[in-house]
Amino acid sequence: MYTPDAGYVSDPGLAAVNLASAASAGGAEFRFRSAVTGVEKAGGRVTSVRLSDGTRIPCAVVVNAAGPWSGAVNRLAGVGSDFTVGVRPMRQEVAHVPVPEGYGGPVVADMDLGTYFRGEAGGGLLVGGTEPECDPLQWTDDPDAVDIHPTAAVFEAQVTRAARRLPDLAVPNRARGVVGVYDVADDWTPIYDRTDLQGFYLAIGTSGNQFKNAPVVGQLMTELIDQVENGADHDATPVRFRAPRTGLEIDLGAFSRKRDRNTANSGTVLG
């Protein structure tokens, strides 16, 4: 299936900096090198967040967008008992290899081979996996303890699969690439929702496939929070969000923490 209107972010690091700069321009403040150590509450509502440097930040609304640490933050807040969909950190590797001469192709996702690949700025090819049944899933309990070095076994498997589609692609002897951790939901679909702790919201379980959606996720979370804080019962009657550019209406119940698991999902990073 060819989707010519699709695309990708060629420099995620720069994109993240741009998003942070835009957030700062809108009044956001950043606190670095301080872990969240506590979520305080009173009367069934969040009241403040404690940081490891001793800072206490009073607040009426908190959005858990902690990526692979989201489950740990949920536990600090005491939420999760009513979830039907859980989240869990998963270690992932993406290989980086020299691109075959003349290759200028699009993002290619090949579910038959369990691989995807795309060109990289500067003349490289990024090759990742789509969780085929023959590959063990690398779950972890502590994202901070993950080995960030690529392994030969995963590297060779991923690049060999890509070479089935790009016959001129060589498989280097040395593993090179990036290692990260996904915040994976049970059905690989994100959770954008409220919780049973008033004022505590979720933008989690993004499963490696929501980066480009970050700006619109901020908009739909704003709509969700605004309506719930003003009395809407999102669990009973899900909030609907109208996308500002397409005009399409999105039923946010699809991202509920209490949803039936999304069986139409690919069950992979592709969502």
C-alpha atoms as a PDB file:
ATOM      1  CA  MET A   1       0.000   0.000   0.000  1.00  0.00           C
ATOM      2  CA  TYR A   2       1.527   3.292  -1.114  1.00  0.00           C
ATOM      3  CA  THR A   3       0.676   6.438   0.840  1.00  0.00           C
ATOM      4  CA  PRO A   4       2.334   9.402  -0.912  1.00  0.00           C
ATOM      5  CA  ASP A   5       1.076  11.937   1.620  1.00  0.00           C
ATOM      6  CA  ALA A   6       2.952  10.245   4.479  1.00  0.00           C
ATOM      7  CA  GLY A   7       6.345  11.358   5.707  1.00  0.00           C
ATOM      8  CA  TYR A   8       8.778  11.296   8.579  1.00  0.00           C
ATOM      9  CA  VAL A   9      10.843  13.588  10.769  1.00  0.00           C
ATOM     10  CA  SER A  10      14.428  13.410   9.522  1.00  0.00           C
ATOM     11  CA  ASP A  11      15.928  14.995  12.670  1.00  0.00           C
ATOM     12  CA  PRO A  12      13.914  14.041  15.785  1.00  0.00           C
ATOM     13  CA  GLY A  13      16.411  15.776  18.074  1.00  0.00           C
ATOM     14  CA  LEU A  14      15.981  19.102  16.300  1.00  0.00           C
ATOM     15  CA  ALA A  15      12.215  18.586  16.189  1.00  0.00           C
ATOM     16  CA  ALA A  16      12.161  18.048  19.958  1.00  0.00           C
ATOM     17  CA  VAL A  17      14.176  21.239  20.489  1.00  0.00           C
ATOM     18  CA  ASN A  18      11.765  23.143  18.245  1.00  0.00           C
ATOM     19  CA  LEU A  19       8.766  21.824  20.180  1.00  0.00           C
ATOM     20  CA  ALA A  20      10.432  22.775  23.471  1.00  0.00           C
ATOM     21  CA  SER A  21      11.168  26.261  22.165  1.00  0.00           C
ATOM     22  CA  ALA A  22       7.559  26.661  21.082  1.00  0.00           C
ATOM     23  CA  ALA A  23       6.405  25.484  24.504  1.00  0.00           C
ATOM     24  CA  SER A  24       8.704  27.999  26.212  1.00  0.00           C
ATOM     25  CA  ALA A  25       7.339  30.764  24.029  1.00  0.00           C
ATOM     26  CA  GLY A  26       3.878  29.736  25.233  1.00  0.00           C
ATOM     27  CA  GLY A  27       4.874  30.002  28.877  1.00  0.00           C
ATOM     28  CA  ALA A  28       6.139  26.484  29.682  1.00  0.00           C
ATOM     29  CA  GLU A  29       9.004  26.083  32.146  1.00  0.00           C
ATOM     30  CA  PHE A  30      11.392  23.116  32.200  1.00  0.00           C
ATOM     31  CA  ARG A  31      13.037  21.472  35.193  1.00  0.00           C
ATOM     32  CA  PHE A  32      15.942  19.209  34.295  1.00  0.00           C
ATOM     33  CA  ARG A  33      17.877  16.612  36.306  1.00  0.00           C
ATOM     34  CA  SER A  34      15.142  16.262  38.924  1.00  0.00           C
ATOM     35  CA  ALA A  35      13.142  13.054  39.162  1.00  0.00           C
ATOM     36  CA  VAL A  36       9.507  12.947  40.220  1.00  0.00           C
ATOM     37  CA  THR A  37       9.458  11.306  43.648  1.00  0.00           C
ATOM     38  CA  GLY A  38       5.872  11.854  44.731  1.00  0.00           C
ATOM     39  CA  VAL A  39       2.374  12.864  43.657  1.00  0.00           C
ATOM     40  CA  GLU A  40       0.446  14.401  46.540  1.00  0.00           C
ATOM     41  CA  LYS A  41      -3.330  14.430  46.744  1.00  0.00           C
ATOM     42  CA  ALA A  42      -6.172  15.407  49.036  1.00  0.00           C
ATOM     43  CA  GLY A  43      -9.893  14.757  48.823  1.00  0.00           C
ATOM     44  CA  GLY A  44      -9.485  12.579  45.731  1.00  0.00           C
ATOM     45  CA  ARG A  45      -7.641  15.275  43.793  1.00  0.00           C
ATOM     46  CA  VAL A  46      -4.003  15.862  42.895  1.00  0.00           C
ATOM     47  CA  THR A  47      -2.510  18.792  44.807  1.00  0.00           C
ATOM     48  CA  SER A  48       1.230  18.820  44.075  1.00  0.00           C
ATOM     49  CA  VAL A  49       4.242  17.026  42.647  1.00  0.00           C
ATOM     50  CA  ARG A  50       7.468  16.445  44.582  1.00  0.00           C
ATOM     51  CA  LEU A  51      10.882  16.364  42.905  1.00  0.00           C
ATOM     52  CA  SER A  52      14.111  14.728  43.982  1.00  0.00           C
ATOM     53  CA  ASP A  53      15.789  18.098  44.551  1.00  0.00           C
ATOM     54  CA  GLY A  54      13.254  18.842  47.286  1.00  0.00           C
ATOM     55  CA  THR A  55      11.036  21.089  45.184  1.00  0.00           C
ATOM     56  CA  ARG A  56       7.289  20.829  45.709  1.00  0.00           C
ATOM     57  CA  ILE A  57       5.173  22.103  42.808  1.00  0.00           C
ATOM     58  CA  PRO A  58       1.551  22.875  43.776  1.00  0.00           C
ATOM     59  CA  CYS A  59      -0.875  22.124  40.954  1.00  0.00           C
ATOM     60  CA  ALA A  60      -4.501  21.352  40.253  1.00  0.00           C
ATOM     61  CA  VAL A  61      -3.799  19.424  37.031  1.00  0.00           C
ATOM     62  CA  VAL A  62      -0.989  16.993  36.185  1.00  0.00           C
ATOM     63  CA  VAL A  63      -0.452  15.270  32.827  1.00  0.00           C
ATOM     64  CA  ASN A  64       1.612  12.104  32.990  1.00  0.00           C
ATOM     65  CA  ALA A  65       3.610  12.194  29.752  1.00  0.00           C
ATOM     66  CA  ALA A  66       6.621  10.389  31.195  1.00  0.00           C
ATOM     67  CA  GLY A  67       7.193   7.966  28.321  1.00  0.00           C
ATOM     68  CA  PRO A  68       8.713   4.688  29.525  1.00  0.00           C
ATOM     69  CA  TRP A  69       8.582   5.994  33.103  1.00  0.00           C
ATOM     70  CA  SER A  70       4.816   6.558  32.888  1.00  0.00           C
ATOM     71  CA  GLY A  71       3.920   3.354  34.739  1.00  0.00           C
ATOM     72  CA  ALA A  72       6.168   4.338  37.638  1.00  0.00           C
ATOM     73  CA  VAL A  73       4.567   7.803  37.823  1.00  0.00           C
ATOM     74  CA  ASN A  74       1.114   6.189  37.796  1.00  0.00           C
ATOM     75  CA  ARG A  75       2.140   4.083  40.780  1.00  0.00           C
ATOM     76  CA  LEU A  76       3.296   7.202  42.622  1.00  0.00           C
ATOM     77  CA  ALA A  77      -0.141   8.695  41.985  1.00  0.00           C
ATOM     78  CA  GLY A  78      -1.941   5.501  43.032  1.00  0.00           C
ATOM     79  CA  VAL A  79      -3.832   5.182  39.739  1.00  0.00           C
ATOM     80  CA  GLY A  80      -4.275   2.180  37.485  1.00  0.00           C
ATOM     81  CA  SER A  81      -6.673  -0.139  39.316  1.00  0.00           C
ATOM     82  CA  ASP A  82      -9.438   0.590  36.787  1.00  0.00           C
ATOM     83  CA  PHE A  83      -7.265   0.297  33.665  1.00  0.00           C
ATOM     84  CA  THR A  84      -8.140  -2.387  31.124  1.00  0.00           C
ATOM     85  CA  VAL A  85      -5.020  -1.520  29.101  1.00  0.00           C
ATOM     86  CA  GLY A  86      -1.611  -1.428  30.762  1.00  0.00           C
ATOM     87  CA  VAL A  87       1.747   0.032  29.744  1.00  0.00           C
ATOM     88  CA  ARG A  88       5.244  -1.385  30.047  1.00  0.00           C
ATOM     89  CA  PRO A  89       8.753  -0.255  28.992  1.00  0.00           C
ATOM     90  CA  MET A  90      10.372  -2.112  26.077  1.00  0.00           C
ATOM     91  CA  ARG A  91      13.979  -1.828  24.895  1.00  0.00           C
ATOM     92  CA  GLN A  92      14.334  -1.252  21.148  1.00  0.00           C
ATOM     93  CA  GLU A  93      17.199  -1.106  18.677  1.00  0.00           C
ATOM     94  CA  VAL A  94      17.342   0.645  15.307  1.00  0.00           C
ATOM     95  CA  ALA A  95      20.262  -0.112  12.993  1.00  0.00           C
ATOM     96  CA  HIS A  96      22.145   2.542  11.041  1.00  0.00           C
ATOM     97  CA  VAL A  97      23.956   1.536   7.841  1.00  0.00           C
ATOM     98  CA  PRO A  98      25.343   3.235   4.721  1.00  0.00           C
ATOM     99  CA  VAL A  99      22.614   3.710   2.144  1.00  0.00           C
ATOM    100  CA  PRO A 100      22.953   1.932  -1.210  1.00  0.00           C
ATOM    101  CA  GLU A 101      24.195   4.329  -3.882  1.00  0.00           C
ATOM    102  CA  GLY A 102      21.351   6.167  -5.537  1.00  0.00           C
ATOM    103  CA  TYR A 103      18.740   5.117  -3.004  1.00  0.00           C
ATOM    104  CA  GLY A 104      16.208   7.849  -2.350  1.00  0.00           C
ATOM    105  CA  GLY A 105      13.173   5.822  -1.427  1.00  0.00           C
ATOM    106  CA  PRO A 106      10.393   6.554   1.048  1.00  0.00           C
ATOM    107  CA  VAL A 107       9.756   4.939   4.390  1.00  0.00           C
ATOM    108  CA  VAL A 108       9.196   1.248   3.696  1.00  0.00           C
ATOM    109  CA  ALA A 109       7.331  -0.988   6.133  1.00  0.00           C
ATOM    110  CA  ASP A 110       7.427  -4.681   5.273  1.00  0.00           C
ATOM    111  CA  MET A 111       5.359  -6.752   7.666  1.00  0.00           C
ATOM    112  CA  ASP A 112       6.199  -9.971   5.813  1.00  0.00           C
ATOM    113  CA  LEU A 113       9.871  -9.553   6.708  1.00  0.00           C
ATOM    114  CA  GLY A 114       9.242  -7.822  10.029  1.00  0.00           C
ATOM    115  CA  THR A 115      11.207  -4.724   9.118  1.00  0.00           C
ATOM    116  CA  TYR A 116      10.923  -1.052   8.244  1.00  0.00           C
ATOM    117  CA  PHE A 117      13.555   1.318   6.910  1.00  0.00           C
ATOM    118  CA  ARG A 118      13.990   4.880   5.731  1.00  0.00           C
ATOM    119  CA  GLY A 119      16.698   7.185   4.496  1.00  0.00           C
ATOM    120  CA  GLU A 120      18.584   9.247   7.034  1.00  0.00           C
ATOM    121  CA  ALA A 121      19.977  12.748   6.652  1.00  0.00           C
ATOM    122  CA  GLY A 122      23.629  12.562   5.657  1.00  0.00           C
ATOM    123  CA  GLY A 123      23.414   9.427   3.553  1.00  0.00           C
ATOM    124  CA  GLY A 124      22.437   6.620   5.894  1.00  0.00           C
ATOM    125  CA  LEU A 125      19.643   4.108   6.244  1.00  0.00           C
ATOM    126  CA  LEU A 126      17.768   3.471   9.477  1.00  0.00           C
ATOM    127  CA  VAL A 127      16.433  -0.074   9.835  1.00  0.00           C
ATOM    128  CA  GLY A 128      14.038  -1.134  12.585  1.00  0.00           C
ATOM    129  CA  GLY A 129      11.898  -4.120  13.409  1.00  0.00           C
ATOM    130  CA  THR A 130       8.143  -4.644  13.538  1.00  0.00           C
ATOM    131  CA  GLU A 131       8.133  -7.189  16.366  1.00  0.00           C
ATOM    132  CA  PRO A 132       7.913 -10.399  14.287  1.00  0.00           C
ATOM    133  CA  GLU A 133       7.078 -13.536  16.274  1.00  0.00           C
ATOM    134  CA  CYS A 134      10.624 -14.879  15.870  1.00  0.00           C
ATOM    135  CA  ASP A 135      12.142 -11.902  17.725  1.00  0.00           C
ATOM    136  CA  PRO A 136      11.992 -11.886  21.532  1.00  0.00           C
ATOM    137  CA  LEU A 137      10.474  -8.731  23.012  1.00  0.00           C
ATOM    138  CA  GLN A 138      12.924  -6.983  25.305  1.00  0.00           C
ATOM    139  CA  TRP A 139      10.718  -5.898  28.208  1.00  0.00           C
ATOM    140  CA  THR A 140      12.360  -4.081  31.092  1.00  0.00           C
ATOM    141  CA  ASP A 141      11.299  -3.010  34.554  1.00  0.00           C
ATOM    142  CA  ASP A 142      13.762  -0.115  34.771  1.00  0.00           C
ATOM    143  CA  PRO A 143      14.308   2.126  31.719  1.00  0.00           C
ATOM    144  CA  ASP A 144      17.348   3.651  33.415  1.00  0.00           C
ATOM    145  CA  ALA A 145      19.085   0.260  33.548  1.00  0.00           C
ATOM    146  CA  VAL A 146      18.798  -0.495  29.822  1.00  0.00           C
ATOM    147  CA  ASP A 147      22.018  -1.180  27.903  1.00  0.00           C
ATOM    148  CA  ILE A 148      22.193   1.602  25.315  1.00  0.00           C
ATOM    149  CA  HIS A 149      24.657  -0.192  23.013  1.00  0.00           C
ATOM    150  CA  PRO A 150      23.345  -1.985  19.895  1.00  0.00           C
ATOM    151  CA  THR A 151      23.858  -5.740  19.771  1.00  0.00           C
ATOM    152  CA  ALA A 152      25.297  -7.752  16.891  1.00  0.00           C
ATOM    153  CA  ALA A 153      22.422 -10.242  16.860  1.00  0.00           C
ATOM    154  CA  VAL A 154      19.664  -7.664  16.469  1.00  0.00           C
ATOM    155  CA  PHE A 155      21.720  -5.545  14.074  1.00  0.00           C
ATOM    156  CA  GLU A 156      22.464  -8.450  11.737  1.00  0.00           C
ATOM    157  CA  ALA A 157      18.861  -9.661  11.760  1.00  0.00           C
ATOM    158  CA  GLN A 158      17.437  -6.238  10.967  1.00  0.00           C
ATOM    159  CA  VAL A 159      19.922  -5.328   8.241  1.00  0.00           C
ATOM    160  CA  THR A 160      19.723  -8.770   6.613  1.00  0.00           C
ATOM    161  CA  ARG A 161      15.948  -8.416   6.365  1.00  0.00           C
ATOM    162  CA  ALA A 162      16.278  -4.968   4.767  1.00  0.00           C
ATOM    163  CA  ALA A 163      18.808  -6.434   2.294  1.00  0.00           C
ATOM    164  CA  ARG A 164      16.115  -8.842   1.108  1.00  0.00           C
ATOM    165  CA  ARG A 165      14.391  -5.770  -0.347  1.00  0.00           C
ATOM    166  CA  LEU A 166      17.532  -3.743  -1.183  1.00  0.00           C
ATOM    167  CA  PRO A 167      19.931  -6.312  -2.698  1.00  0.00           C
ATOM    168  CA  ASP A 168      22.815  -3.809  -2.875  1.00  0.00           C
ATOM    169  CA  LEU A 169      22.653  -3.189   0.854  1.00  0.00           C
ATOM    170  CA  ALA A 170      25.709  -4.553   2.664  1.00  0.00           C
ATOM    171  CA  VAL A 171      25.652  -5.947   6.193  1.00  0.00           C
ATOM    172  CA  PRO A 172      28.576  -4.326   8.050  1.00  0.00           C
ATOM    173  CA  ASN A 173      30.602  -6.382  10.505  1.00  0.00           C
ATOM    174  CA  ARG A 174      30.169  -3.849  13.286  1.00  0.00           C
ATOM    175  CA  ALA A 175      26.793  -3.079  14.842  1.00  0.00           C
ATOM    176  CA  ARG A 176      25.863   0.581  14.696  1.00  0.00           C
ATOM    177  CA  GLY A 177      22.623   2.291  15.558  1.00  0.00           C
ATOM    178  CA  VAL A 178      20.529   3.712  18.356  1.00  0.00           C
ATOM    179  CA  VAL A 179      18.924   2.078  21.372  1.00  0.00           C
ATOM    180  CA  GLY A 180      15.924   3.463  23.207  1.00  0.00           C
ATOM    181  CA  VAL A 181      12.905   2.468  25.255  1.00  0.00           C
ATOM    182  CA  TYR A 182       9.287   2.515  24.114  1.00  0.00           C
ATOM    183  CA  ASP A 183       6.344   3.072  26.453  1.00  0.00           C
ATOM    184  CA  VAL A 184       4.250   0.211  25.052  1.00  0.00           C
ATOM    185  CA  ALA A 185       0.527  -0.157  25.643  1.00  0.00           C
ATOM    186  CA  ASP A 186      -0.947  -3.660  25.656  1.00  0.00           C
ATOM    187  CA  ASP A 187      -2.566  -3.020  22.271  1.00  0.00           C
ATOM    188  CA  TRP A 188       0.110  -0.626  20.934  1.00  0.00           C
ATOM    189  CA  THR A 189      -2.444   2.215  20.950  1.00  0.00           C
ATOM    190  CA  PRO A 190      -1.822   5.287  23.127  1.00  0.00           C
ATOM    191  CA  ILE A 191      -3.787   6.201  26.242  1.00  0.00           C
ATOM    192  CA  TYR A 192      -4.977   9.807  26.218  1.00  0.00           C
ATOM    193  CA  ASP A 193      -7.361  10.012  29.138  1.00  0.00           C
ATOM    194  CA  ARG A 194      -8.305  11.137  32.622  1.00  0.00           C
ATOM    195  CA  THR A 195      -7.940   8.893  35.686  1.00  0.00           C
ATOM    196  CA  ASP A 196      -9.926   8.217  38.822  1.00  0.00           C
ATOM    197  CA  LEU A 197      -7.668  10.741  40.597  1.00  0.00           C
ATOM    198  CA  GLN A 198      -9.200  14.092  39.784  1.00  0.00           C
ATOM    199  CA  GLY A 199      -6.812  16.391  37.958  1.00  0.00           C
ATOM    200  CA  PHE A 200      -4.422  13.562  36.977  1.00  0.00           C
ATOM    201  CA  TYR A 201      -4.379  12.905  33.226  1.00  0.00           C
ATOM    202  CA  LEU A 202      -2.525  10.542  30.906  1.00  0.00           C
ATOM    203  CA  ALA A 203      -0.678  10.899  27.602  1.00  0.00           C
ATOM    204  CA  ILE A 204       1.107   7.545  27.718  1.00  0.00           C
ATOM    205  CA  GLY A 205       1.542   4.220  25.941  1.00  0.00           C
ATOM    206  CA  THR A 206       2.708   5.928  22.758  1.00  0.00           C
ATOM    207  CA  SER A 207       4.485   2.717  21.676  1.00  0.00           C
ATOM    208  CA  GLY A 208       7.102   4.357  19.463  1.00  0.00           C
ATOM    209  CA  ASN A 209       4.605   5.594  16.859  1.00  0.00           C
ATOM    210  CA  GLN A 210       3.251   8.927  18.134  1.00  0.00           C
ATOM    211  CA  PHE A 211       6.177  11.365  17.835  1.00  0.00           C
ATOM    212  CA  LYS A 212       4.816  13.224  14.810  1.00  0.00           C
ATOM    213  CA  ASN A 213       1.456  13.482  16.540  1.00  0.00           C
ATOM    214  CA  ALA A 214       2.860  15.415  19.519  1.00  0.00           C
ATOM    215  CA  PRO A 215       1.414  18.840  18.574  1.00  0.00           C
ATOM    216  CA  VAL A 216      -2.108  17.539  17.975  1.00  0.00           C
ATOM    217  CA  VAL A 217      -1.894  15.372  21.107  1.00  0.00           C
ATOM    218  CA  GLY A 218      -1.308  18.581  23.051  1.00  0.00           C
ATOM    219  CA  GLN A 219      -4.404  20.063  21.473  1.00  0.00           C
ATOM    220  CA  LEU A 220      -6.633  17.069  22.143  1.00  0.00           C
ATOM    221  CA  MET A 221      -5.374  16.810  25.729  1.00  0.00           C
ATOM    222  CA  THR A 222      -6.196  20.509  26.210  1.00  0.00           C
ATOM    223  CA  GLU A 223      -9.738  19.862  24.962  1.00  0.00           C
ATOM    224  CA  LEU A 224     -10.096  16.782  27.165  1.00  0.00           C
ATOM    225  CA  ILE A 225      -8.807  18.518  30.296  1.00  0.00           C
ATOM    226  CA  ASP A 226     -10.884  21.632  29.709  1.00  0.00           C
ATOM    227  CA  GLN A 227     -14.100  19.651  29.349  1.00  0.00           C
ATOM    228  CA  VAL A 228     -13.470  17.249  32.244  1.00  0.00           C
ATOM    229  CA  GLU A 229     -12.420  20.058  34.585  1.00  0.00           C
ATOM    230  CA  ASN A 230     -15.677  21.789  33.692  1.00  0.00           C
ATOM    231  CA  GLY A 231     -17.822  18.799  34.577  1.00  0.00           C
ATOM    232  CA  ALA A 232     -17.871  16.489  31.538  1.00  0.00           C
ATOM    233  CA  ASP A 233     -18.113  12.762  32.339  1.00  0.00           C
ATOM    234  CA  HIS A 234     -15.580  11.508  29.816  1.00  0.00           C
ATOM    235  CA  ASP A 235     -15.916   7.874  30.967  1.00  0.00           C
ATOM    236  CA  ALA A 236     -19.673   7.843  30.286  1.00  0.00           C
ATOM    237  CA  THR A 237     -19.782  10.176  27.271  1.00  0.00           C
ATOM    238  CA  PRO A 238     -16.328  10.436  25.663  1.00  0.00           C
ATOM    239  CA  VAL A 239     -15.116  13.868  24.672  1.00  0.00           C
ATOM    240  CA  ARG A 240     -14.898  14.475  20.924  1.00  0.00           C
ATOM    241  CA  PHE A 241     -12.100  16.554  19.423  1.00  0.00           C
ATOM    242  CA  ARG A 242     -12.252  18.296  16.050  1.00  0.00           C
ATOM    243  CA  ALA A 243      -8.873  18.375  14.327  1.00  0.00           C
ATOM    244  CA  PRO A 244      -8.198  22.016  13.400  1.00  0.00           C
ATOM    245  CA  ARG A 245      -6.641  21.378   9.980  1.00  0.00           C
ATOM    246  CA  THR A 246      -8.664  18.459   8.621  1.00  0.00           C
ATOM    247  CA  GLY A 247     -11.927  19.232  10.379  1.00  0.00           C
ATOM    248  CA  LEU A 248     -12.295  15.551  11.226  1.00  0.00           C
ATOM    249  CA  GLU A 249     -13.883  14.669  14.566  1.00  0.00           C
ATOM    250  CA  ILE A 250     -12.015  12.229  16.808  1.00  0.00           C
ATOM    251  CA  ASP A 251     -13.778  10.201  19.485  1.00  0.00           C
ATOM    252  CA  LEU A 252     -11.273  10.292  22.357  1.00  0.00           C
ATOM    253  CA  GLY A 253     -12.930   7.214  23.826  1.00  0.00           C
ATOM    254  CA  ALA A 254     -10.721   5.260  21.399  1.00  0.00           C
ATOM    255  CA  PHE A 255      -7.772   6.154  23.649  1.00  0.00           C
ATOM    256  CA  SER A 256      -9.501   5.401  26.949  1.00  0.00           C
ATOM    257  CA  ARG A 257      -7.695   3.616  29.764  1.00  0.00           C
ATOM    258  CA  LYS A 258     -10.864   1.510  30.067  1.00  0.00           C
ATOM    259  CA  ARG A 259     -11.284   0.619  26.390  1.00  0.00           C
ATOM    260  CA  ASP A 260     -11.611  -2.792  24.847  1.00  0.00           C
ATOM    261  CA  ARG A 261      -8.214  -3.651  23.456  1.00  0.00           C
ATOM    262  CA  ASN A 262      -7.707  -2.454  19.891  1.00  0.00           C
ATOM    263  CA  THR A 263      -7.682  -5.697  17.889  1.00  0.00           C
ATOM    264  CA  ALA A 264      -7.496  -3.763  14.595  1.00  0.00           C
ATOM    265  CA  ASN A 265      -4.029  -2.516  15.526  1.00  0.00           C
ATOM    266  CA  SER A 266      -1.010  -4.113  13.845  1.00  0.00           C
ATOM    267  CA  GLY A 267       0.393  -4.988  17.269  1.00  0.00           C
ATOM    268  CA  THR A 268       3.701  -3.364  16.307  1.00  0.00           C
ATOM    269  CA  VAL A 269       5.542  -0.043  16.455  1.00  0.00           C
ATOM    270  CA  LEU A 270       3.625   0.928  13.308  1.00  0.00           C
ATOM    271  CA  GLY A 271       0.428   1.220  15.343  1.00  0.00           C
END
